[in-house]
Amino acid sequence: MTYSRIILEKSEGVARITLNRPDVMNSLDMDMLKEIDSALTDIEGDSSLRAVVITGKGKAFCAGADLKQIGSFATSPQGMLGFLRIIHGLYNRIEAFPKPVIAAINGMALAGGLELTLTCDIVYAAADAKIGDQHANFGLVAGAGGSQRLPRIIGMRRAKELLYTGDWISAQEAERIGLVNKVVPADKLDAEVMALAKKLVGHSPMATRTVKTLVNRGMQMELPDGLELEMNMGALLFTTEDLQEGLKAFQERRKPNFPGR
């Protein structure tokens, strides 16, 4: 597929998706959503790729949905529902993606852009990044999972404050409340994120995928059920080539070379 709304790059086991509408702060329209989905299909089918980075081109990570396109649904609830189902489907896919996904917030991450980061496994932010929901400022509500994922990540009271006020917060405040994992100088963001992605590339893909499933599913379960799931999936992991390679490398005092199939 030829991309115009995103840039897809592959290097050293890492796939990099760059949102590419800098003139509108990388706002999300239907075409961009379809291109991201197509890129994910490509990445999922490429066994040489073991980590994914999502970032934005220019001064913004993503300012959310394209309000011009959203405005066209003002008198069409069914049209709006159709858009929401598409964006929910994509964001759900990112959250459950079988390879680790890292968000690199290079500028503003607002509304649907914030909601996009909530689906990623790990989030790094540039020191000058600004993050917020901002739906409340325009009489809107979070429509891509923000009302559900945000409180699960930062807690109900902090989430309600951000959702009610529409306020932006600094990257440093986002780190303090657990919304992002790490804040780095803007000129070092790419290097820091790629170093992390390459570290993940060197780990067992099957173990990483298992951990992702355990954490994501476990958060929706009672603790006893989550512990049972951990035991069962951990036992299954012992039948894999990755685990056998890991044990062999430990015995031979060398770095593992995980097949990851």
C-alpha atoms as a PDB file:
ATOM      1  CA  MET A   1       0.000   0.000   0.000  1.00  0.00           C
ATOM      2  CA  THR A   2       1.171   3.532  -0.762  1.00  0.00           C
ATOM      3  CA  TYR A   3       0.942   5.822   2.255  1.00  0.00           C
ATOM      4  CA  SER A   4       0.245   9.550   2.212  1.00  0.00           C
ATOM      5  CA  ARG A   5      -0.997  10.091   5.775  1.00  0.00           C
ATOM      6  CA  ILE A   6       1.756   8.135   7.527  1.00  0.00           C
ATOM      7  CA  ILE A   7       5.363   7.134   6.993  1.00  0.00           C
ATOM      8  CA  LEU A   8       6.276   3.487   7.623  1.00  0.00           C
ATOM      9  CA  GLU A   9       9.950   2.662   8.170  1.00  0.00           C
ATOM     10  CA  LYS A  10      11.622  -0.606   9.129  1.00  0.00           C
ATOM     11  CA  SER A  11      15.113  -0.919  10.590  1.00  0.00           C
ATOM     12  CA  GLU A  12      16.930  -3.416  12.829  1.00  0.00           C
ATOM     13  CA  GLY A  13      13.771  -5.206  13.883  1.00  0.00           C
ATOM     14  CA  VAL A  14      11.851  -1.997  14.652  1.00  0.00           C
ATOM     15  CA  ALA A  15       8.867  -0.655  12.699  1.00  0.00           C
ATOM     16  CA  ARG A  16       8.328   3.088  12.952  1.00  0.00           C
ATOM     17  CA  ILE A  17       4.950   4.643  12.128  1.00  0.00           C
ATOM     18  CA  THR A  18       5.131   8.435  11.786  1.00  0.00           C
ATOM     19  CA  LEU A  19       1.855  10.337  11.561  1.00  0.00           C
ATOM     20  CA  ASN A  20       2.370  12.590   8.564  1.00  0.00           C
ATOM     21  CA  ARG A  21      -0.083  15.494   8.507  1.00  0.00           C
ATOM     22  CA  PRO A  22       2.076  18.149  10.171  1.00  0.00           C
ATOM     23  CA  ASP A  23       0.110  21.029   8.647  1.00  0.00           C
ATOM     24  CA  VAL A  24      -2.916  19.999  10.769  1.00  0.00           C
ATOM     25  CA  MET A  25      -0.929  18.739  13.780  1.00  0.00           C
ATOM     26  CA  ASN A  26      -1.284  15.147  12.569  1.00  0.00           C
ATOM     27  CA  SER A  27      -5.022  15.113  13.189  1.00  0.00           C
ATOM     28  CA  LEU A  28      -6.738  11.825  12.489  1.00  0.00           C
ATOM     29  CA  ASP A  29      -9.071  11.448   9.544  1.00  0.00           C
ATOM     30  CA  MET A  30     -10.568   8.283   8.081  1.00  0.00           C
ATOM     31  CA  ASP A  31      -7.754   7.879   5.571  1.00  0.00           C
ATOM     32  CA  MET A  32      -5.065   8.084   8.268  1.00  0.00           C
ATOM     33  CA  LEU A  33      -6.876   5.515  10.403  1.00  0.00           C
ATOM     34  CA  LYS A  34      -7.029   3.142   7.441  1.00  0.00           C
ATOM     35  CA  GLU A  35      -3.342   3.658   6.671  1.00  0.00           C
ATOM     36  CA  ILE A  36      -2.310   2.952  10.263  1.00  0.00           C
ATOM     37  CA  ASP A  37      -4.401  -0.207  10.219  1.00  0.00           C
ATOM     38  CA  SER A  38      -2.799  -1.310   6.946  1.00  0.00           C
ATOM     39  CA  ALA A  39       0.674  -0.651   8.369  1.00  0.00           C
ATOM     40  CA  LEU A  40      -0.132  -2.770  11.413  1.00  0.00           C
ATOM     41  CA  THR A  41      -1.171  -5.646   9.148  1.00  0.00           C
ATOM     42  CA  ASP A  42       2.156  -5.342   7.329  1.00  0.00           C
ATOM     43  CA  ILE A  43       4.106  -5.244  10.605  1.00  0.00           C
ATOM     44  CA  GLU A  44       2.210  -8.133  12.172  1.00  0.00           C
ATOM     45  CA  GLY A  45       3.007 -10.339   9.192  1.00  0.00           C
ATOM     46  CA  ASP A  46       6.736  -9.517   9.208  1.00  0.00           C
ATOM     47  CA  SER A  47       8.518 -11.835  11.668  1.00  0.00           C
ATOM     48  CA  SER A  48      11.708  -9.759  11.441  1.00  0.00           C
ATOM     49  CA  LEU A  49       9.937  -6.873  13.202  1.00  0.00           C
ATOM     50  CA  ARG A  50       9.705  -7.196  16.968  1.00  0.00           C
ATOM     51  CA  ALA A  51       8.819  -3.697  18.225  1.00  0.00           C
ATOM     52  CA  VAL A  52       6.750  -0.754  16.985  1.00  0.00           C
ATOM     53  CA  VAL A  53       7.255   2.979  17.535  1.00  0.00           C
ATOM     54  CA  ILE A  54       4.480   5.513  16.878  1.00  0.00           C
ATOM     55  CA  THR A  55       5.359   9.211  16.651  1.00  0.00           C
ATOM     56  CA  GLY A  56       4.361  12.365  14.781  1.00  0.00           C
ATOM     57  CA  LYS A  57       6.026  14.518  12.175  1.00  0.00           C
ATOM     58  CA  GLY A  58       6.617  18.177  12.948  1.00  0.00           C
ATOM     59  CA  LYS A  59       5.659  19.958  16.155  1.00  0.00           C
ATOM     60  CA  ALA A  60       2.833  17.682  17.249  1.00  0.00           C
ATOM     61  CA  PHE A  61       2.413  14.025  18.069  1.00  0.00           C
ATOM     62  CA  CYS A  62      -1.309  14.148  17.323  1.00  0.00           C
ATOM     63  CA  ALA A  63      -4.004  16.740  18.041  1.00  0.00           C
ATOM     64  CA  GLY A  64      -6.818  14.184  17.867  1.00  0.00           C
ATOM     65  CA  ALA A  65      -9.568  13.681  15.332  1.00  0.00           C
ATOM     66  CA  ASP A  66      -9.834  15.987  12.340  1.00  0.00           C
ATOM     67  CA  LEU A  67     -12.575  18.349  13.499  1.00  0.00           C
ATOM     68  CA  LYS A  68     -13.452  19.318   9.934  1.00  0.00           C
ATOM     69  CA  GLN A  69     -14.361  15.732   9.227  1.00  0.00           C
ATOM     70  CA  ILE A  70     -16.042  15.322  12.619  1.00  0.00           C
ATOM     71  CA  GLY A  71     -18.102  18.460  11.904  1.00  0.00           C
ATOM     72  CA  SER A  72     -19.645  16.743   8.911  1.00  0.00           C
ATOM     73  CA  PHE A  73     -21.277  14.278  11.326  1.00  0.00           C
ATOM     74  CA  ALA A  74     -23.006  17.023  13.364  1.00  0.00           C
ATOM     75  CA  THR A  75     -26.442  16.105  12.053  1.00  0.00           C
ATOM     76  CA  SER A  76     -25.664  12.418  11.501  1.00  0.00           C
ATOM     77  CA  PRO A  77     -25.372  10.343  14.683  1.00  0.00           C
ATOM     78  CA  GLN A  78     -24.989   7.212  12.579  1.00  0.00           C
ATOM     79  CA  GLY A  79     -22.088   8.750  10.661  1.00  0.00           C
ATOM     80  CA  MET A  80     -20.413   9.691  13.938  1.00  0.00           C
ATOM     81  CA  LEU A  81     -21.000   6.234  15.358  1.00  0.00           C
ATOM     82  CA  GLY A  82     -19.403   4.739  12.259  1.00  0.00           C
ATOM     83  CA  PHE A  83     -16.296   6.897  12.735  1.00  0.00           C
ATOM     84  CA  LEU A  84     -16.110   5.977  16.420  1.00  0.00           C
ATOM     85  CA  ARG A  85     -16.383   2.278  15.656  1.00  0.00           C
ATOM     86  CA  ILE A  86     -13.462   2.553  13.231  1.00  0.00           C
ATOM     87  CA  ILE A  87     -11.218   4.453  15.648  1.00  0.00           C
ATOM     88  CA  HIS A  88     -12.159   2.148  18.524  1.00  0.00           C
ATOM     89  CA  GLY A  89     -11.360  -0.864  16.375  1.00  0.00           C
ATOM     90  CA  LEU A  90      -7.944   0.535  15.503  1.00  0.00           C
ATOM     91  CA  TYR A  91      -7.106   1.569  19.070  1.00  0.00           C
ATOM     92  CA  ASN A  92      -8.229  -1.812  20.397  1.00  0.00           C
ATOM     93  CA  ARG A  93      -5.963  -3.444  17.843  1.00  0.00           C
ATOM     94  CA  ILE A  94      -2.971  -1.372  18.966  1.00  0.00           C
ATOM     95  CA  GLU A  95      -3.659  -2.191  22.614  1.00  0.00           C
ATOM     96  CA  ALA A  96      -3.780  -5.930  21.850  1.00  0.00           C
ATOM     97  CA  PHE A  97      -1.042  -5.881  19.173  1.00  0.00           C
ATOM     98  CA  PRO A  98       1.210  -8.953  19.535  1.00  0.00           C
ATOM     99  CA  LYS A  99       4.384  -6.835  19.440  1.00  0.00           C
ATOM    100  CA  PRO A 100       5.290  -4.122  21.969  1.00  0.00           C
ATOM    101  CA  VAL A 101       4.208  -0.623  20.915  1.00  0.00           C
ATOM    102  CA  ILE A 102       6.053   2.494  22.113  1.00  0.00           C
ATOM    103  CA  ALA A 103       4.625   6.003  21.773  1.00  0.00           C
ATOM    104  CA  ALA A 104       7.147   8.809  21.292  1.00  0.00           C
ATOM    105  CA  ILE A 105       5.343  12.060  22.124  1.00  0.00           C
ATOM    106  CA  ASN A 106       7.326  14.663  20.214  1.00  0.00           C
ATOM    107  CA  GLY A 107       4.952  17.596  20.805  1.00  0.00           C
ATOM    108  CA  MET A 108       1.291  18.055  21.605  1.00  0.00           C
ATOM    109  CA  ALA A 109      -0.751  14.918  22.321  1.00  0.00           C
ATOM    110  CA  LEU A 110      -4.331  16.079  22.640  1.00  0.00           C
ATOM    111  CA  ALA A 111      -7.769  14.440  22.705  1.00  0.00           C
ATOM    112  CA  GLY A 112      -7.593  11.478  20.298  1.00  0.00           C
ATOM    113  CA  GLY A 113      -3.811  11.860  20.316  1.00  0.00           C
ATOM    114  CA  LEU A 114      -3.769  11.340  24.060  1.00  0.00           C
ATOM    115  CA  GLU A 115      -6.149   8.421  23.613  1.00  0.00           C
ATOM    116  CA  LEU A 116      -3.738   6.906  21.092  1.00  0.00           C
ATOM    117  CA  THR A 117      -0.912   6.980  23.654  1.00  0.00           C
ATOM    118  CA  LEU A 118      -3.180   5.219  26.159  1.00  0.00           C
ATOM    119  CA  THR A 119      -3.263   2.154  23.897  1.00  0.00           C
ATOM    120  CA  CYS A 120       0.528   1.892  23.724  1.00  0.00           C
ATOM    121  CA  ASP A 121       2.591  -0.275  26.058  1.00  0.00           C
ATOM    122  CA  ILE A 122       5.270   2.283  26.893  1.00  0.00           C
ATOM    123  CA  VAL A 123       5.236   6.072  26.444  1.00  0.00           C
ATOM    124  CA  TYR A 124       8.240   8.410  26.254  1.00  0.00           C
ATOM    125  CA  ALA A 125       7.706  12.158  25.952  1.00  0.00           C
ATOM    126  CA  ALA A 126       9.886  15.081  24.929  1.00  0.00           C
ATOM    127  CA  ALA A 127      10.494  17.534  27.771  1.00  0.00           C
ATOM    128  CA  ASP A 128       8.538  20.254  25.952  1.00  0.00           C
ATOM    129  CA  ALA A 129       5.516  18.063  25.136  1.00  0.00           C
ATOM    130  CA  LYS A 130       2.006  19.118  26.176  1.00  0.00           C
ATOM    131  CA  ILE A 131      -0.646  16.532  26.907  1.00  0.00           C
ATOM    132  CA  GLY A 132      -4.375  16.847  27.532  1.00  0.00           C
ATOM    133  CA  ASP A 133      -7.854  15.631  26.708  1.00  0.00           C
ATOM    134  CA  GLN A 134      -9.401  19.008  25.753  1.00  0.00           C
ATOM    135  CA  HIS A 135     -12.735  17.530  24.576  1.00  0.00           C
ATOM    136  CA  ALA A 136     -14.495  19.491  27.336  1.00  0.00           C
ATOM    137  CA  ASN A 137     -13.276  22.753  25.822  1.00  0.00           C
ATOM    138  CA  PHE A 138     -15.454  22.177  22.758  1.00  0.00           C
ATOM    139  CA  GLY A 139     -18.533  20.518  24.240  1.00  0.00           C
ATOM    140  CA  LEU A 140     -17.283  17.052  23.331  1.00  0.00           C
ATOM    141  CA  VAL A 141     -16.489  13.918  25.275  1.00  0.00           C
ATOM    142  CA  ALA A 142     -13.690  11.413  24.826  1.00  0.00           C
ATOM    143  CA  GLY A 143     -14.691   9.127  21.973  1.00  0.00           C
ATOM    144  CA  ALA A 144     -11.722   6.815  21.477  1.00  0.00           C
ATOM    145  CA  GLY A 145     -11.489   5.144  24.856  1.00  0.00           C
ATOM    146  CA  GLY A 146     -10.236   8.030  26.991  1.00  0.00           C
ATOM    147  CA  SER A 147     -13.003   7.823  29.582  1.00  0.00           C
ATOM    148  CA  GLN A 148     -12.167   4.159  30.155  1.00  0.00           C
ATOM    149  CA  ARG A 149      -8.412   3.824  29.688  1.00  0.00           C
ATOM    150  CA  LEU A 150      -7.321   7.072  31.362  1.00  0.00           C
ATOM    151  CA  PRO A 151      -8.715   6.253  34.841  1.00  0.00           C
ATOM    152  CA  ARG A 152      -7.279   2.758  34.614  1.00  0.00           C
ATOM    153  CA  ILE A 153      -3.820   4.243  34.077  1.00  0.00           C
ATOM    154  CA  ILE A 154      -3.757   7.314  36.360  1.00  0.00           C
ATOM    155  CA  GLY A 155      -6.688   6.722  38.703  1.00  0.00           C
ATOM    156  CA  MET A 156     -10.272   7.945  38.714  1.00  0.00           C
ATOM    157  CA  ARG A 157      -9.828  11.330  40.420  1.00  0.00           C
ATOM    158  CA  ARG A 158      -6.936  12.537  38.262  1.00  0.00           C
ATOM    159  CA  ALA A 159      -8.682  11.256  35.141  1.00  0.00           C
ATOM    160  CA  LYS A 160     -11.906  13.094  35.986  1.00  0.00           C
ATOM    161  CA  GLU A 161      -9.980  16.327  36.503  1.00  0.00           C
ATOM    162  CA  LEU A 162      -8.348  16.100  33.074  1.00  0.00           C
ATOM    163  CA  LEU A 163     -11.589  15.036  31.391  1.00  0.00           C
ATOM    164  CA  TYR A 164     -13.737  17.694  33.094  1.00  0.00           C
ATOM    165  CA  THR A 165     -11.370  20.648  32.661  1.00  0.00           C
ATOM    166  CA  GLY A 166      -9.817  19.966  29.264  1.00  0.00           C
ATOM    167  CA  ASP A 167      -6.552  21.301  30.727  1.00  0.00           C
ATOM    168  CA  TRP A 168      -3.174  20.525  29.242  1.00  0.00           C
ATOM    169  CA  ILE A 169      -0.364  19.276  31.447  1.00  0.00           C
ATOM    170  CA  SER A 170       3.390  19.262  30.985  1.00  0.00           C
ATOM    171  CA  ALA A 171       5.383  16.169  30.172  1.00  0.00           C
ATOM    172  CA  GLN A 172       6.905  16.362  33.644  1.00  0.00           C
ATOM    173  CA  GLU A 173       3.464  16.340  35.292  1.00  0.00           C
ATOM    174  CA  ALA A 174       2.411  13.478  33.024  1.00  0.00           C
ATOM    175  CA  GLU A 175       5.420  11.501  34.190  1.00  0.00           C
ATOM    176  CA  ARG A 176       4.676  12.298  37.853  1.00  0.00           C
ATOM    177  CA  ILE A 177       1.136  10.921  37.641  1.00  0.00           C
ATOM    178  CA  GLY A 178       2.126   7.852  35.627  1.00  0.00           C
ATOM    179  CA  LEU A 179       0.706   8.927  32.280  1.00  0.00           C
ATOM    180  CA  VAL A 180       4.107   8.630  30.600  1.00  0.00           C
ATOM    181  CA  ASN A 181       7.031   6.401  31.523  1.00  0.00           C
ATOM    182  CA  LYS A 182       9.909   8.777  30.883  1.00  0.00           C
ATOM    183  CA  VAL A 183      10.594  12.390  29.892  1.00  0.00           C
ATOM    184  CA  VAL A 184      13.716  13.115  27.858  1.00  0.00           C
ATOM    185  CA  PRO A 185      15.176  16.221  26.171  1.00  0.00           C
ATOM    186  CA  ALA A 186      13.431  16.833  22.862  1.00  0.00           C
ATOM    187  CA  ASP A 187      16.622  16.415  20.843  1.00  0.00           C
ATOM    188  CA  LYS A 188      17.233  12.998  22.434  1.00  0.00           C
ATOM    189  CA  LEU A 189      13.712  11.572  22.150  1.00  0.00           C
ATOM    190  CA  ASP A 190      14.299   9.564  18.985  1.00  0.00           C
ATOM    191  CA  ALA A 191      17.572   8.107  20.249  1.00  0.00           C
ATOM    192  CA  GLU A 192      16.097   7.146  23.632  1.00  0.00           C
ATOM    193  CA  VAL A 193      13.027   5.532  22.078  1.00  0.00           C
ATOM    194  CA  MET A 194      15.036   3.613  19.499  1.00  0.00           C
ATOM    195  CA  ALA A 195      17.427   2.376  22.198  1.00  0.00           C
ATOM    196  CA  LEU A 196      14.446   1.038  24.133  1.00  0.00           C
ATOM    197  CA  ALA A 197      12.898  -0.514  21.016  1.00  0.00           C
ATOM    198  CA  LYS A 198      16.165  -2.251  20.098  1.00  0.00           C
ATOM    199  CA  LYS A 199      16.449  -3.588  23.642  1.00  0.00           C
ATOM    200  CA  LEU A 200      13.001  -5.138  23.269  1.00  0.00           C
ATOM    201  CA  VAL A 201      13.978  -6.566  19.874  1.00  0.00           C
ATOM    202  CA  GLY A 202      16.696  -8.564  21.633  1.00  0.00           C
ATOM    203  CA  HIS A 203      14.248 -10.159  24.067  1.00  0.00           C
ATOM    204  CA  SER A 204      12.035 -13.179  23.493  1.00  0.00           C
ATOM    205  CA  PRO A 205       9.061 -12.155  21.337  1.00  0.00           C
ATOM    206  CA  MET A 206       6.989 -14.973  22.778  1.00  0.00           C
ATOM    207  CA  ALA A 207       7.736 -14.022  26.373  1.00  0.00           C
ATOM    208  CA  THR A 208       7.008 -10.350  25.673  1.00  0.00           C
ATOM    209  CA  ARG A 209       3.743 -11.246  23.957  1.00  0.00           C
ATOM    210  CA  THR A 210       2.795 -13.465  26.908  1.00  0.00           C
ATOM    211  CA  VAL A 211       3.514 -10.698  29.425  1.00  0.00           C
ATOM    212  CA  LYS A 212       1.461  -8.225  27.383  1.00  0.00           C
ATOM    213  CA  THR A 213      -1.496 -10.604  27.316  1.00  0.00           C
ATOM    214  CA  LEU A 214      -1.197 -11.343  31.035  1.00  0.00           C
ATOM    215  CA  VAL A 215      -1.123  -7.686  32.035  1.00  0.00           C
ATOM    216  CA  ASN A 216      -3.871  -6.557  29.656  1.00  0.00           C
ATOM    217  CA  ARG A 217      -6.230  -9.395  30.456  1.00  0.00           C
ATOM    218  CA  GLY A 218      -5.314  -9.537  34.109  1.00  0.00           C
ATOM    219  CA  MET A 219      -6.341  -5.915  34.608  1.00  0.00           C
ATOM    220  CA  GLN A 220      -9.880  -6.936  33.694  1.00  0.00           C
ATOM    221  CA  MET A 221      -9.962  -9.899  36.112  1.00  0.00           C
ATOM    222  CA  GLU A 222     -10.190 -10.585  39.799  1.00  0.00           C
ATOM    223  CA  LEU A 223      -6.762 -11.393  41.260  1.00  0.00           C
ATOM    224  CA  PRO A 224      -7.322 -15.161  41.695  1.00  0.00           C
ATOM    225  CA  ASP A 225      -8.380 -15.461  38.045  1.00  0.00           C
ATOM    226  CA  GLY A 226      -5.356 -13.440  36.926  1.00  0.00           C
ATOM    227  CA  LEU A 227      -3.013 -15.667  38.940  1.00  0.00           C
ATOM    228  CA  GLU A 228      -4.566 -18.762  37.389  1.00  0.00           C
ATOM    229  CA  LEU A 229      -4.064 -17.250  33.937  1.00  0.00           C
ATOM    230  CA  GLU A 230      -0.421 -16.527  34.769  1.00  0.00           C
ATOM    231  CA  MET A 231       0.206 -20.127  35.799  1.00  0.00           C
ATOM    232  CA  ASN A 232      -1.430 -21.545  32.690  1.00  0.00           C
ATOM    233  CA  MET A 233       0.290 -19.229  30.218  1.00  0.00           C
ATOM    234  CA  GLY A 234       3.615 -19.606  32.020  1.00  0.00           C
ATOM    235  CA  ALA A 235       3.388 -23.379  31.724  1.00  0.00           C
ATOM    236  CA  LEU A 236       2.617 -23.128  28.008  1.00  0.00           C
ATOM    237  CA  LEU A 237       5.643 -20.899  27.497  1.00  0.00           C
ATOM    238  CA  PHE A 238       7.870 -23.798  28.616  1.00  0.00           C
ATOM    239  CA  THR A 239       6.968 -25.651  25.404  1.00  0.00           C
ATOM    240  CA  THR A 240       8.312 -22.903  23.140  1.00  0.00           C
ATOM    241  CA  GLU A 241      11.577 -22.626  21.243  1.00  0.00           C
ATOM    242  CA  ASP A 242      12.208 -19.226  22.791  1.00  0.00           C
ATOM    243  CA  LEU A 243      12.251 -20.587  26.322  1.00  0.00           C
ATOM    244  CA  GLN A 244      14.434 -23.528  25.368  1.00  0.00           C
ATOM    245  CA  GLU A 245      16.888 -21.145  23.716  1.00  0.00           C
ATOM    246  CA  GLY A 246      16.879 -18.935  26.810  1.00  0.00           C
ATOM    247  CA  LEU A 247      17.681 -21.844  29.120  1.00  0.00           C
ATOM    248  CA  LYS A 248      20.384 -23.112  26.790  1.00  0.00           C
ATOM    249  CA  ALA A 249      21.985 -19.665  26.545  1.00  0.00           C
ATOM    250  CA  PHE A 250      21.968 -19.359  30.339  1.00  0.00           C
ATOM    251  CA  GLN A 251      23.745 -22.703  30.686  1.00  0.00           C
ATOM    252  CA  GLU A 252      26.255 -21.776  27.987  1.00  0.00           C
ATOM    253  CA  ARG A 253      26.777 -18.271  29.425  1.00  0.00           C
ATOM    254  CA  ARG A 254      25.963 -16.480  26.184  1.00  0.00           C
ATOM    255  CA  LYS A 255      23.369 -14.061  24.869  1.00  0.00           C
ATOM    256  CA  PRO A 256      20.193 -15.824  23.644  1.00  0.00           C
ATOM    257  CA  ASN A 257      19.233 -15.768  19.996  1.00  0.00           C
ATOM    258  CA  PHE A 258      15.465 -16.064  20.161  1.00  0.00           C
ATOM    259  CA  PRO A 259      13.701 -17.493  17.080  1.00  0.00           C
ATOM    260  CA  GLY A 260      10.436 -15.813  18.133  1.00  0.00           C
ATOM    261  CA  ARG A 261       8.106 -17.837  15.965  1.00  0.00           C
END
